[in-house]
Amino acid sequence: MTLTIGEVSKKTNLSVPTLRYYDREGLFPGLQRESGIRKFSDKELAGIQVIECLKKSGLSIPDIKQFMDWTTMGSETFEERKDLFVNQRAQVEKQLNDLKQVDNLLRYKCWYYETAMKLGSEEAVKAIPFDQLPKQIQENFPFEH
């Protein structure tokens, strides 16, 4: 079974221009055409999932193209492909850690202003000793104390 570019667009929520761009950049090695019309198979749909994953992990289109080229080379590129995913996982883990720090500050500030409104002033919140802060705030306190 094959799908047209419009059908793939609907299925993946990617725009037709984005899919055409990916094709021009060589991200669909072996994409079949009938009378000039792209015919996407399950292979390309699976490739789109990988492409979008790698993009979200911060990989550039040229680097994604390199990965797609490696997939056509067979088992001799397993090591390179694995290393690429290991490196991207490390980057994603760092991003997640950075976002956790952002989340800690946002949670703290939500609690801080909610408490300030209940107590009537920021000074009252600032006067709360650290060991009397809610446990979750203490465990994820975003500042040095």
N, C-alpha and C. Protein backbone atom coordinates (compact mmCIF):
# COMPACT_ATOMS: atom_id res chain seq x y z
N MET A 1 0.84 -1.18 0.00
CA MET A 1 0.00 0.00 0.00
C MET A 1 0.88 1.25 0.00
N THR A 2 0.53 2.21 -0.82
CA THR A 2 1.25 3.48 -0.85
C THR A 2 0.27 4.62 -0.64
N LEU A 3 0.84 5.73 -0.19
CA LEU A 3 0.05 6.93 0.08
C LEU A 3 0.61 8.09 -0.74
N THR A 4 -0.24 9.01 -1.10
CA THR A 4 0.20 10.24 -1.76
C THR A 4 0.75 11.19 -0.70
N ILE A 5 1.40 12.24 -1.16
CA ILE A 5 1.96 13.21 -0.23
C ILE A 5 0.86 13.88 0.61
N GLY A 6 -0.31 14.12 0.01
CA GLY A 6 -1.43 14.71 0.75
C GLY A 6 -1.92 13.78 1.85
N GLU A 7 -2.01 12.50 1.55
CA GLU A 7 -2.44 11.52 2.55
C GLU A 7 -1.43 11.42 3.68
N VAL A 8 -0.15 11.45 3.32
CA VAL A 8 0.89 11.40 4.35
C VAL A 8 0.84 12.66 5.21
N SER A 9 0.59 13.79 4.58
CA SER A 9 0.48 15.04 5.32
C SER A 9 -0.62 14.95 6.38
N LYS A 10 -1.77 14.45 5.98
CA LYS A 10 -2.89 14.31 6.93
C LYS A 10 -2.55 13.31 8.03
N LYS A 11 -1.92 12.22 7.66
CA LYS A 11 -1.61 11.16 8.62
C LYS A 11 -0.55 11.58 9.64
N THR A 12 0.41 12.41 9.20
CA THR A 12 1.53 12.78 10.06
C THR A 12 1.44 14.18 10.65
N ASN A 13 0.46 14.96 10.20
CA ASN A 13 0.33 16.37 10.60
C ASN A 13 1.54 17.20 10.18
N LEU A 14 2.24 16.77 9.14
CA LEU A 14 3.31 17.56 8.55
C LEU A 14 2.76 18.19 7.28
N SER A 15 3.18 19.40 7.00
CA SER A 15 2.67 20.07 5.80
C SER A 15 3.26 19.43 4.55
N VAL A 16 2.54 19.58 3.45
CA VAL A 16 3.03 19.09 2.16
C VAL A 16 4.38 19.74 1.83
N PRO A 17 4.53 21.08 2.01
CA PRO A 17 5.85 21.67 1.74
C PRO A 17 6.98 21.06 2.59
N THR A 18 6.68 20.73 3.84
CA THR A 18 7.70 20.09 4.69
C THR A 18 8.09 18.74 4.13
N LEU A 19 7.12 17.96 3.71
CA LEU A 19 7.41 16.64 3.14
C LEU A 19 8.20 16.77 1.84
N ARG A 20 7.85 17.75 1.03
CA ARG A 20 8.61 17.98 -0.21
C ARG A 20 10.05 18.39 0.11
N TYR A 21 10.20 19.24 1.12
CA TYR A 21 11.55 19.66 1.55
C TYR A 21 12.36 18.45 1.99
N TYR A 22 11.77 17.60 2.82
CA TYR A 22 12.48 16.40 3.28
C TYR A 22 12.90 15.56 2.07
N ASP A 23 12.03 15.44 1.10
CA ASP A 23 12.36 14.66 -0.10
C ASP A 23 13.52 15.31 -0.85
N ARG A 24 13.45 16.63 -1.04
CA ARG A 24 14.54 17.34 -1.74
C ARG A 24 15.87 17.19 -1.01
N GLU A 25 15.82 17.13 0.31
CA GLU A 25 17.04 16.99 1.11
C GLU A 25 17.55 15.55 1.15
N GLY A 26 16.82 14.65 0.52
CA GLY A 26 17.28 13.26 0.45
C GLY A 26 16.95 12.42 1.66
N LEU A 27 15.93 12.81 2.41
CA LEU A 27 15.60 12.07 3.63
C LEU A 27 14.73 10.84 3.37
N PHE A 28 14.31 10.65 2.14
CA PHE A 28 13.52 9.46 1.78
C PHE A 28 14.25 8.67 0.69
N PRO A 29 15.37 8.04 1.05
CA PRO A 29 16.08 7.28 0.03
C PRO A 29 15.19 6.16 -0.49
N GLY A 30 15.11 6.06 -1.79
CA GLY A 30 14.30 4.99 -2.38
C GLY A 30 12.83 5.31 -2.53
N LEU A 31 12.43 6.56 -2.30
CA LEU A 31 11.02 6.93 -2.45
C LEU A 31 10.60 6.69 -3.91
N GLN A 32 9.53 5.96 -4.08
CA GLN A 32 9.05 5.63 -5.42
C GLN A 32 8.17 6.76 -5.97
N ARG A 33 8.16 6.86 -7.28
CA ARG A 33 7.31 7.84 -7.96
C ARG A 33 6.59 7.13 -9.10
N GLU A 34 5.36 7.52 -9.30
CA GLU A 34 4.58 7.06 -10.45
C GLU A 34 4.11 8.29 -11.20
N SER A 35 4.54 8.43 -12.43
CA SER A 35 4.21 9.61 -13.24
C SER A 35 4.55 10.90 -12.50
N GLY A 36 5.67 10.89 -11.79
CA GLY A 36 6.12 12.08 -11.07
C GLY A 36 5.47 12.29 -9.72
N ILE A 37 4.54 11.43 -9.33
CA ILE A 37 3.83 11.56 -8.06
C ILE A 37 4.52 10.68 -7.02
N ARG A 38 4.86 11.31 -5.89
CA ARG A 38 5.52 10.57 -4.81
C ARG A 38 4.56 9.53 -4.25
N LYS A 39 5.08 8.34 -4.02
CA LYS A 39 4.31 7.25 -3.42
C LYS A 39 5.01 6.81 -2.14
N PHE A 40 4.41 7.15 -1.02
CA PHE A 40 5.00 6.85 0.28
C PHE A 40 4.54 5.48 0.76
N SER A 41 5.50 4.67 1.18
CA SER A 41 5.21 3.34 1.71
C SER A 41 5.34 3.38 3.24
N ASP A 42 5.11 2.22 3.85
CA ASP A 42 5.31 2.11 5.30
C ASP A 42 6.74 2.46 5.69
N LYS A 43 7.69 2.17 4.81
CA LYS A 43 9.10 2.49 5.07
C LYS A 43 9.27 4.00 5.25
N GLU A 44 8.69 4.79 4.38
CA GLU A 44 8.80 6.25 4.50
C GLU A 44 8.06 6.76 5.73
N LEU A 45 6.91 6.16 6.02
CA LEU A 45 6.17 6.58 7.23
C LEU A 45 7.00 6.32 8.48
N ALA A 46 7.65 5.16 8.53
CA ALA A 46 8.53 4.87 9.67
C ALA A 46 9.70 5.86 9.69
N GLY A 47 10.22 6.18 8.50
CA GLY A 47 11.31 7.15 8.40
C GLY A 47 10.90 8.52 8.92
N ILE A 48 9.67 8.92 8.63
CA ILE A 48 9.17 10.22 9.11
C ILE A 48 9.17 10.26 10.63
N GLN A 49 8.79 9.16 11.26
CA GLN A 49 8.81 9.12 12.74
C GLN A 49 10.23 9.32 13.26
N VAL A 50 11.19 8.68 12.63
CA VAL A 50 12.59 8.83 13.05
C VAL A 50 13.07 10.26 12.78
N ILE A 51 12.75 10.79 11.61
CA ILE A 51 13.16 12.15 11.26
C ILE A 51 12.62 13.14 12.29
N GLU A 52 11.35 13.04 12.60
CA GLU A 52 10.74 13.97 13.56
C GLU A 52 11.35 13.80 14.96
N CYS A 53 11.63 12.58 15.34
CA CYS A 53 12.28 12.33 16.64
C CYS A 53 13.65 12.99 16.67
N LEU A 54 14.44 12.77 15.63
CA LEU A 54 15.78 13.34 15.59
C LEU A 54 15.73 14.86 15.54
N LYS A 55 14.77 15.43 14.80
CA LYS A 55 14.62 16.89 14.77
C LYS A 55 14.32 17.42 16.16
N LYS A 56 13.38 16.78 16.84
CA LYS A 56 13.00 17.23 18.18
C LYS A 56 14.14 17.09 19.17
N SER A 57 15.05 16.16 18.90
CA SER A 57 16.20 15.98 19.79
C SER A 57 17.30 17.00 19.49
N GLY A 58 17.11 17.81 18.45
CA GLY A 58 18.07 18.86 18.14
C GLY A 58 19.00 18.58 16.97
N LEU A 59 18.81 17.47 16.28
CA LEU A 59 19.68 17.14 15.16
C LEU A 59 19.31 17.96 13.93
N SER A 60 20.30 18.40 13.19
CA SER A 60 20.07 19.21 11.99
C SER A 60 19.66 18.32 10.82
N ILE A 61 19.05 18.93 9.82
CA ILE A 61 18.63 18.19 8.62
C ILE A 61 19.84 17.53 7.94
N PRO A 62 20.97 18.23 7.77
CA PRO A 62 22.12 17.54 7.16
C PRO A 62 22.57 16.31 7.95
N ASP A 63 22.52 16.38 9.28
CA ASP A 63 22.90 15.23 10.09
C ASP A 63 21.86 14.11 9.99
N ILE A 64 20.59 14.49 9.88
CA ILE A 64 19.55 13.48 9.68
C ILE A 64 19.74 12.82 8.32
N LYS A 65 20.11 13.60 7.33
CA LYS A 65 20.39 13.03 6.01
C LYS A 65 21.53 12.03 6.10
N GLN A 66 22.58 12.38 6.85
CA GLN A 66 23.69 11.44 7.02
C GLN A 66 23.18 10.13 7.62
N PHE A 67 22.31 10.23 8.63
CA PHE A 67 21.75 9.02 9.22
C PHE A 67 20.97 8.22 8.18
N MET A 68 20.13 8.91 7.41
CA MET A 68 19.33 8.20 6.40
C MET A 68 20.24 7.54 5.37
N ASP A 69 21.34 8.21 5.02
CA ASP A 69 22.30 7.59 4.10
C ASP A 69 22.90 6.33 4.72
N TRP A 70 23.22 6.40 6.01
CA TRP A 70 23.78 5.22 6.69
C TRP A 70 22.81 4.05 6.63
N THR A 71 21.50 4.35 6.71
CA THR A 71 20.53 3.25 6.71
C THR A 71 20.54 2.48 5.40
N THR A 72 20.99 3.13 4.33
CA THR A 72 21.04 2.44 3.03
C THR A 72 22.33 1.64 2.86
N MET A 73 23.28 1.82 3.76
CA MET A 73 24.58 1.17 3.63
C MET A 73 24.66 -0.19 4.32
N GLY A 74 23.61 -0.54 5.06
CA GLY A 74 23.59 -1.85 5.69
C GLY A 74 24.31 -1.90 7.03
N SER A 75 24.67 -3.11 7.41
CA SER A 75 25.19 -3.36 8.76
C SER A 75 26.54 -2.70 9.03
N GLU A 76 27.25 -2.30 8.00
CA GLU A 76 28.55 -1.68 8.23
C GLU A 76 28.44 -0.33 8.95
N THR A 77 27.23 0.25 8.99
CA THR A 77 27.05 1.55 9.66
C THR A 77 26.27 1.43 10.97
N PHE A 78 26.09 0.22 11.48
CA PHE A 78 25.37 0.06 12.75
C PHE A 78 26.02 0.88 13.86
N GLU A 79 27.34 0.85 13.94
CA GLU A 79 28.04 1.57 15.02
C GLU A 79 27.78 3.07 14.94
N GLU A 80 27.86 3.65 13.75
CA GLU A 80 27.61 5.08 13.57
C GLU A 80 26.17 5.42 13.94
N ARG A 81 25.26 4.59 13.51
CA ARG A 81 23.84 4.86 13.82
C ARG A 81 23.58 4.78 15.31
N LYS A 82 24.14 3.76 15.95
CA LYS A 82 23.97 3.62 17.40
C LYS A 82 24.58 4.83 18.12
N ASP A 83 25.79 5.22 17.72
CA ASP A 83 26.45 6.37 18.35
C ASP A 83 25.62 7.64 18.20
N LEU A 84 25.01 7.82 17.05
CA LEU A 84 24.16 8.99 16.83
C LEU A 84 23.02 9.01 17.85
N PHE A 85 22.38 7.87 18.04
CA PHE A 85 21.26 7.82 18.99
C PHE A 85 21.74 7.97 20.43
N VAL A 86 22.89 7.42 20.75
CA VAL A 86 23.45 7.58 22.10
C VAL A 86 23.72 9.06 22.37
N ASN A 87 24.33 9.74 21.39
CA ASN A 87 24.62 11.17 21.55
C ASN A 87 23.35 12.00 21.67
N GLN A 88 22.34 11.68 20.87
CA GLN A 88 21.09 12.44 20.94
C GLN A 88 20.39 12.19 22.27
N ARG A 89 20.46 10.96 22.77
CA ARG A 89 19.86 10.69 24.09
C ARG A 89 20.54 11.53 25.17
N ALA A 90 21.86 11.65 25.10
CA ALA A 90 22.58 12.46 26.08
C ALA A 90 22.13 13.91 26.01
N GLN A 91 21.95 14.41 24.80
CA GLN A 91 21.48 15.79 24.65
C GLN A 91 20.07 15.96 25.20
N VAL A 92 19.20 15.00 24.93
CA VAL A 92 17.83 15.07 25.42
C VAL A 92 17.80 14.99 26.94
N GLU A 93 18.64 14.13 27.52
CA GLU A 93 18.71 14.04 28.99
C GLU A 93 19.14 15.37 29.59
N LYS A 94 20.10 16.05 28.95
CA LYS A 94 20.51 17.37 29.43
C LYS A 94 19.35 18.37 29.32
N GLN A 95 18.65 18.34 28.19
CA GLN A 95 17.51 19.23 28.01
C GLN A 95 16.44 18.96 29.07
N LEU A 96 16.20 17.68 29.35
CA LEU A 96 15.21 17.33 30.37
C LEU A 96 15.64 17.85 31.74
N ASN A 97 16.92 17.73 32.05
CA ASN A 97 17.43 18.23 33.33
C ASN A 97 17.27 19.75 33.40
N ASP A 98 17.61 20.42 32.30
CA ASP A 98 17.44 21.88 32.27
C ASP A 98 15.97 22.26 32.46
N LEU A 99 15.08 21.53 31.80
CA LEU A 99 13.65 21.81 31.94
C LEU A 99 13.16 21.52 33.36
N LYS A 100 13.74 20.52 34.01
CA LYS A 100 13.36 20.21 35.40
C LYS A 100 13.72 21.39 36.29
N GLN A 101 14.86 22.00 36.04
CA GLN A 101 15.26 23.18 36.82
C GLN A 101 14.29 24.34 36.57
N VAL A 102 13.89 24.53 35.34
CA VAL A 102 12.91 25.56 35.00
C VAL A 102 11.59 25.26 35.72
N ASP A 103 11.16 23.99 35.66
CA ASP A 103 9.92 23.60 36.32
C ASP A 103 10.00 23.84 37.83
N ASN A 104 11.13 23.54 38.44
CA ASN A 104 11.30 23.79 39.88
C ASN A 104 11.09 25.25 40.21
N LEU A 105 11.66 26.14 39.41
CA LEU A 105 11.50 27.57 39.66
C LEU A 105 10.06 28.00 39.47
N LEU A 106 9.43 27.51 38.41
CA LEU A 106 8.03 27.87 38.16
C LEU A 106 7.12 27.37 39.29
N ARG A 107 7.34 26.14 39.74
CA ARG A 107 6.55 25.61 40.86
C ARG A 107 6.74 26.46 42.11
N TYR A 108 8.01 26.80 42.37
CA TYR A 108 8.30 27.61 43.54
C TYR A 108 7.58 28.95 43.47
N LYS A 109 7.68 29.60 42.31
CA LYS A 109 7.06 30.92 42.18
C LYS A 109 5.54 30.84 42.27
N CYS A 110 4.94 29.78 41.75
CA CYS A 110 3.48 29.60 41.91
C CYS A 110 3.14 29.47 43.38
N TRP A 111 3.88 28.62 44.08
CA TRP A 111 3.64 28.46 45.52
C TRP A 111 3.88 29.78 46.24
N TYR A 112 4.97 30.47 45.90
CA TYR A 112 5.35 31.72 46.55
C TYR A 112 4.23 32.75 46.47
N TYR A 113 3.72 32.98 45.26
CA TYR A 113 2.69 34.01 45.10
C TYR A 113 1.35 33.57 45.65
N GLU A 114 1.04 32.30 45.55
CA GLU A 114 -0.19 31.79 46.17
C GLU A 114 -0.13 32.00 47.68
N THR A 115 1.01 31.71 48.27
CA THR A 115 1.19 31.88 49.71
C THR A 115 1.20 33.35 50.09
N ALA A 116 1.82 34.18 49.25
CA ALA A 116 1.82 35.63 49.52
C ALA A 116 0.40 36.18 49.52
N MET A 117 -0.41 35.70 48.60
CA MET A 117 -1.81 36.17 48.57
C MET A 117 -2.56 35.72 49.82
N LYS A 118 -2.32 34.48 50.26
CA LYS A 118 -2.99 33.98 51.47
C LYS A 118 -2.54 34.74 52.72
N LEU A 119 -1.22 35.00 52.79
CA LEU A 119 -0.68 35.66 53.99
C LEU A 119 -0.75 37.18 53.92
N GLY A 120 -0.97 37.71 52.73
CA GLY A 120 -1.14 39.15 52.58
C GLY A 120 0.12 39.93 52.24
N SER A 121 1.29 39.25 52.17
CA SER A 121 2.50 39.99 51.81
C SER A 121 3.62 39.04 51.42
N GLU A 122 4.56 39.57 50.66
CA GLU A 122 5.74 38.77 50.32
C GLU A 122 6.65 38.62 51.53
N GLU A 123 6.70 39.64 52.37
CA GLU A 123 7.55 39.57 53.56
C GLU A 123 7.17 38.38 54.44
N ALA A 124 5.87 38.10 54.53
CA ALA A 124 5.43 36.96 55.34
C ALA A 124 5.93 35.64 54.75
N VAL A 125 5.97 35.56 53.43
CA VAL A 125 6.48 34.34 52.78
C VAL A 125 7.98 34.22 53.01
N LYS A 126 8.68 35.34 52.84
CA LYS A 126 10.13 35.34 53.02
C LYS A 126 10.53 35.01 54.45
N ALA A 127 9.64 35.26 55.39
CA ALA A 127 9.94 35.00 56.80
C ALA A 127 9.77 33.52 57.17
N ILE A 128 9.19 32.72 56.29
CA ILE A 128 9.00 31.30 56.59
C ILE A 128 10.37 30.60 56.58
N PRO A 129 10.75 29.96 57.68
CA PRO A 129 12.03 29.23 57.70
C PRO A 129 12.01 28.09 56.67
N PHE A 130 13.18 27.83 56.10
CA PHE A 130 13.28 26.82 55.05
C PHE A 130 12.70 25.48 55.49
N ASP A 131 12.99 25.07 56.72
CA ASP A 131 12.52 23.76 57.18
C ASP A 131 11.01 23.70 57.41
N GLN A 132 10.33 24.85 57.29
CA GLN A 132 8.88 24.88 57.42
C GLN A 132 8.18 25.04 56.07
N LEU A 133 8.96 25.12 55.00
CA LEU A 133 8.36 25.15 53.67
C LEU A 133 7.75 23.79 53.36
N PRO A 134 6.77 23.73 52.48
CA PRO A 134 6.22 22.44 52.10
C PRO A 134 7.34 21.51 51.60
N LYS A 135 7.21 20.22 51.91
CA LYS A 135 8.25 19.24 51.57
C LYS A 135 8.64 19.29 50.10
N GLN A 136 7.66 19.37 49.20
CA GLN A 136 7.96 19.39 47.77
C GLN A 136 8.77 20.63 47.38
N ILE A 137 8.49 21.74 48.03
CA ILE A 137 9.25 22.97 47.76
C ILE A 137 10.68 22.80 48.27
N GLN A 138 10.83 22.24 49.46
CA GLN A 138 12.18 22.00 49.99
C GLN A 138 12.99 21.08 49.08
N GLU A 139 12.37 19.97 48.64
CA GLU A 139 13.08 18.96 47.84
C GLU A 139 13.50 19.49 46.48
N ASN A 140 12.75 20.46 45.94
CA ASN A 140 13.03 20.98 44.62
C ASN A 140 13.33 22.48 44.62
N PHE A 141 13.85 22.95 45.76
CA PHE A 141 14.11 24.37 45.92
C PHE A 141 15.06 24.85 44.84
N PRO A 142 14.67 25.88 44.07
CA PRO A 142 15.48 26.29 42.92
C PRO A 142 16.68 27.19 43.24
N PHE A 143 16.82 27.57 44.50
CA PHE A 143 17.89 28.49 44.87
C PHE A 143 18.79 27.86 45.91
N GLU A 144 20.00 28.41 46.05
CA GLU A 144 20.88 27.99 47.13
C GLU A 144 20.25 28.42 48.46
N HIS A 145 20.37 27.57 49.45
CA HIS A 145 19.82 27.94 50.76
C HIS A 145 20.80 27.60 51.85
